[in-house]
């Protein structure tokens, strides 16, 4: 297949997402920048299915699984394969809207992301990658970075040390909501390990920013 054919195939693949997800987009588009994000996500960007499955787990815990499945009735995701990031972003926004409410969907996404560390560590993939979450903040962040490389095929994360008790996790080309999803995941990870930390998010653009961690 030529480069042009590959690009055409990618465009064809992503068009049905907008059609199939029209009700879902209507639910969240007035309350977040989902339409712009879906346009900006590279066609090849993908995440492992464990994150899709976690969304179902969280909306089920909130008693909204039936509403979620009405939006995405044909979903069938296994934990290990990679699936399009654009599909995940739409489902993440809708899950946030169902867990909280459409106007509060960012808070819902934060709550969902806060559960990532527990869900991931309990999974088969998580147990294979992380035997035991570290209680050392630097080591814990390094484990998170290693897990990201195994579960996402896009973007760049980097750890920067700013002293004996402060680090910065930098994100570039991160199409998940940094100030909500990345912040929630960081919060949940440190809480799960019993580390009292202060977290601050600083944005440099919609897909670039940092989480500063102090302890």
Protein backbone atom coordinates (compact mmCIF):
# COMPACT_ATOMS: atom_id res chain seq x y z
CA UNK A 1 0.00 0.00 0.00
CA UNK A 2 1.36 3.42 -0.94
CA UNK A 3 1.64 6.33 1.49
CA UNK A 4 -1.33 8.05 -0.14
CA UNK A 5 -3.39 4.87 0.08
CA UNK A 6 -2.47 4.50 3.77
CA UNK A 7 -3.52 8.08 4.49
CA UNK A 8 -6.77 7.58 2.61
CA UNK A 9 -7.46 4.40 4.56
CA UNK A 10 -6.77 6.22 7.82
CA UNK A 11 -9.18 9.01 6.88
CA UNK A 12 -11.83 6.45 5.95
CA UNK A 13 -11.37 4.71 9.26
CA UNK A 14 -11.84 7.88 11.29
CA UNK A 15 -14.90 9.21 9.46
CA UNK A 16 -17.22 6.47 10.82
CA UNK A 17 -16.15 7.44 14.37
CA UNK A 18 -17.93 10.76 13.92
CA UNK A 19 -21.00 9.08 12.39
CA UNK A 20 -21.24 6.22 14.85
CA UNK A 21 -20.57 8.55 17.75
CA UNK A 22 -22.91 11.36 16.73
CA UNK A 23 -25.15 10.95 19.80
CA UNK A 24 -22.07 10.75 21.98
CA UNK A 25 -20.62 13.89 20.43
CA UNK A 26 -23.90 15.71 20.97
CA UNK A 27 -23.74 14.75 24.64
CA UNK A 28 -20.32 16.30 25.27
CA UNK A 29 -19.39 18.72 22.48
CA UNK A 30 -20.93 21.76 24.19
CA UNK A 31 -18.92 21.10 27.33
CA UNK A 32 -15.43 20.25 26.05
CA UNK A 33 -13.20 20.55 22.98
CA UNK A 34 -13.78 16.97 21.81
CA UNK A 35 -14.43 17.94 18.17
CA UNK A 36 -11.12 19.79 17.87
CA UNK A 37 -9.25 16.97 19.60
CA UNK A 38 -10.66 14.35 17.27
CA UNK A 39 -9.46 16.45 14.33
CA UNK A 40 -5.97 16.87 15.81
CA UNK A 41 -5.27 13.27 16.89
CA UNK A 42 -2.85 11.52 14.50
CA UNK A 43 -4.58 8.58 12.77
CA UNK A 44 -1.98 6.11 14.09
CA UNK A 45 -2.26 7.20 17.75
CA UNK A 46 -3.61 4.38 19.88
CA UNK A 47 -3.93 3.02 23.42
CA UNK A 48 -4.36 -0.46 24.81
CA UNK A 49 -7.82 -1.81 25.41
CA UNK A 50 -7.36 -1.91 29.16
CA UNK A 51 -8.26 1.78 29.26
CA UNK A 52 -11.53 1.22 27.39
CA UNK A 53 -12.38 -1.56 29.81
CA UNK A 54 -11.63 0.70 32.76
CA UNK A 55 -14.16 3.22 31.46
CA UNK A 56 -16.86 0.56 31.50
CA UNK A 57 -15.81 -0.43 35.00
CA UNK A 58 -16.10 3.13 36.26
CA UNK A 59 -19.46 3.91 34.66
CA UNK A 60 -20.77 0.60 35.98
CA UNK A 61 -19.63 1.58 39.49
CA UNK A 62 -21.54 4.84 39.05
CA UNK A 63 -24.67 2.94 37.98
CA UNK A 64 -24.57 4.34 34.41
CA UNK A 65 -23.39 1.35 32.39
CA UNK A 66 -26.68 0.98 30.52
CA UNK A 67 -26.52 4.62 29.39
CA UNK A 68 -22.91 4.15 28.30
CA UNK A 69 -23.74 1.03 26.28
CA UNK A 70 -26.61 2.82 24.58
CA UNK A 71 -24.01 5.23 23.18
CA UNK A 72 -21.48 2.52 22.27
CA UNK A 73 -23.55 -0.60 21.76
CA UNK A 74 -21.09 -2.37 19.46
CA UNK A 75 -17.99 -1.96 21.64
CA UNK A 76 -15.89 -5.07 22.17
CA UNK A 77 -12.45 -4.40 23.59
CA UNK A 78 -9.79 -6.80 24.87
CA UNK A 79 -7.18 -5.56 27.32
CA UNK A 80 -3.96 -6.09 25.37
CA UNK A 81 -4.56 -4.93 21.76
CA UNK A 82 -4.11 -1.32 20.71
CA UNK A 83 -7.18 0.67 19.62
CA UNK A 84 -7.52 4.19 18.13
CA UNK A 85 -6.96 7.02 20.56
CA UNK A 86 -9.72 9.03 18.90
CA UNK A 87 -12.24 6.34 19.85
CA UNK A 88 -10.95 6.37 23.41
CA UNK A 89 -11.14 10.16 23.78
CA UNK A 90 -14.79 10.21 22.79
CA UNK A 91 -15.62 7.43 25.22
CA UNK A 92 -13.60 9.06 27.97
CA UNK A 93 -15.49 12.35 27.60
CA UNK A 94 -18.84 10.54 27.59
CA UNK A 95 -17.88 8.43 30.59
CA UNK A 96 -16.94 11.62 32.43
CA UNK A 97 -20.32 13.11 31.55
CA UNK A 98 -22.13 10.03 32.83
CA UNK A 99 -20.11 9.67 36.03
CA UNK A 100 -20.62 13.36 36.86
CA UNK A 101 -22.83 15.31 34.42
CA UNK A 102 -22.26 16.80 30.95
CA UNK A 103 -21.42 20.28 32.33
CA UNK A 104 -19.10 18.64 34.91
CA UNK A 105 -17.56 16.07 32.57
CA UNK A 106 -14.01 17.29 33.27
CA UNK A 107 -14.48 16.46 36.94
CA UNK A 108 -15.86 13.09 35.88
CA UNK A 109 -12.77 12.42 33.77
CA UNK A 110 -10.56 13.39 36.70
CA UNK A 111 -12.38 10.88 38.91
CA UNK A 112 -12.05 8.14 36.28
CA UNK A 113 -8.34 8.82 35.77
CA UNK A 114 -7.83 8.76 39.52
CA UNK A 115 -8.74 5.07 39.40
CA UNK A 116 -6.16 4.18 36.74
CA UNK A 117 -3.37 3.09 39.07
CA UNK A 118 -5.57 0.64 40.99
CA UNK A 119 -7.18 -0.78 37.86
CA UNK A 120 -3.86 -1.09 36.04
CA UNK A 121 -2.00 -2.72 38.94
CA UNK A 122 -4.80 -5.30 39.31
CA UNK A 123 -4.75 -6.25 35.62
CA UNK A 124 -2.71 -9.00 34.01
CA UNK A 125 -0.77 -6.42 32.00
CA UNK A 126 -0.15 -4.29 35.08
CA UNK A 127 1.11 -7.23 37.11
CA UNK A 128 3.49 -8.10 34.30
CA UNK A 129 4.89 -4.56 34.08
CA UNK A 130 4.78 -3.49 37.72
CA UNK A 131 5.33 -6.10 40.39
CA UNK A 132 4.75 -3.65 43.20
CA UNK A 133 4.10 0.08 43.02
CA UNK A 134 6.98 1.90 44.67
CA UNK A 135 6.52 4.19 47.65
CA UNK A 136 9.41 6.32 46.48
CA UNK A 137 8.00 9.28 44.47
CA UNK A 138 10.79 9.27 41.89
CA UNK A 139 10.69 5.52 41.39
CA UNK A 140 6.91 5.61 41.23
CA UNK A 141 7.02 8.26 38.50
CA UNK A 142 9.56 6.17 36.59
CA UNK A 143 7.21 3.20 36.79
CA UNK A 144 4.41 5.37 35.43
CA UNK A 145 6.62 6.47 32.56
CA UNK A 146 7.51 2.87 31.75
CA UNK A 147 3.85 1.85 31.83
CA UNK A 148 2.97 4.71 29.49
CA UNK A 149 5.51 3.48 26.93
CA UNK A 150 3.89 0.05 27.00
CA UNK A 151 0.29 1.23 26.73
CA UNK A 152 0.39 4.32 24.44
CA UNK A 153 2.11 4.63 21.08
CA UNK A 154 2.04 8.41 20.77
CA UNK A 155 3.36 11.53 22.50
CA UNK A 156 6.35 12.04 24.76
CA UNK A 157 6.63 12.11 28.56
CA UNK A 158 9.76 13.13 30.42
CA UNK A 159 10.72 13.34 34.10
CA UNK A 160 12.72 16.36 35.26
CA UNK A 161 14.21 16.61 38.77
CA UNK A 162 13.96 20.01 40.44
CA UNK A 163 15.43 19.10 43.81
CA UNK A 164 15.36 16.35 46.43
CA UNK A 165 11.58 16.61 46.90
CA UNK A 166 10.22 17.90 43.60
CA UNK A 167 9.85 16.46 40.12
CA UNK A 168 8.12 17.54 36.95
CA UNK A 169 6.44 15.20 34.49
CA UNK A 170 6.43 16.89 31.11
CA UNK A 171 3.91 15.95 28.43
CA UNK A 172 4.22 16.72 24.73
CA UNK A 173 1.65 15.75 22.09
CA UNK A 174 -0.58 14.37 24.81
CA UNK A 175 -4.11 14.45 23.44
CA UNK A 176 -5.82 13.36 26.62
CA UNK A 177 -6.82 16.31 28.79
CA UNK A 178 -3.62 17.05 30.73
CA UNK A 179 -5.19 19.26 33.39
CA UNK A 180 -7.88 16.67 34.13
CA UNK A 181 -6.90 13.17 32.99
CA UNK A 182 -3.15 13.34 33.59
CA UNK A 183 -3.69 15.24 36.84
CA UNK A 184 -6.26 12.72 38.01
CA UNK A 185 -4.03 9.76 37.16
CA UNK A 186 -1.11 11.32 39.02
CA UNK A 187 -3.29 12.06 42.05
CA UNK A 188 -4.63 8.52 42.19
CA UNK A 189 -1.20 6.95 41.77
CA UNK A 190 0.36 8.83 44.68
CA UNK A 191 -2.69 8.28 46.86
CA UNK A 192 -2.68 4.54 46.16
CA UNK A 193 0.89 4.36 47.39
CA UNK A 194 0.26 6.42 50.51
CA UNK A 195 2.47 9.31 49.40
CA UNK A 196 1.40 12.75 50.61
CA UNK A 197 2.18 14.95 47.62
CA UNK A 198 1.17 18.35 46.31
CA UNK A 199 0.39 18.39 42.60
CA UNK A 200 0.22 21.37 40.26
CA UNK A 201 -0.59 21.39 36.54
CA UNK A 202 0.86 24.01 34.22
CA UNK A 203 -0.30 24.20 30.61
CA UNK A 204 1.72 25.46 27.63
CA UNK A 205 -0.93 24.57 25.05
CA UNK A 206 -3.85 22.15 24.71
CA UNK A 207 -1.53 19.16 24.20
CA UNK A 208 1.57 20.28 26.08
CA UNK A 209 2.07 20.84 29.79
CA UNK A 210 3.50 19.54 33.05
CA UNK A 211 2.53 18.03 36.37
CA UNK A 212 4.71 19.30 39.22
CA UNK A 213 4.92 16.99 42.21
CA UNK A 214 6.23 18.05 45.63
CA UNK A 215 6.44 15.92 48.76
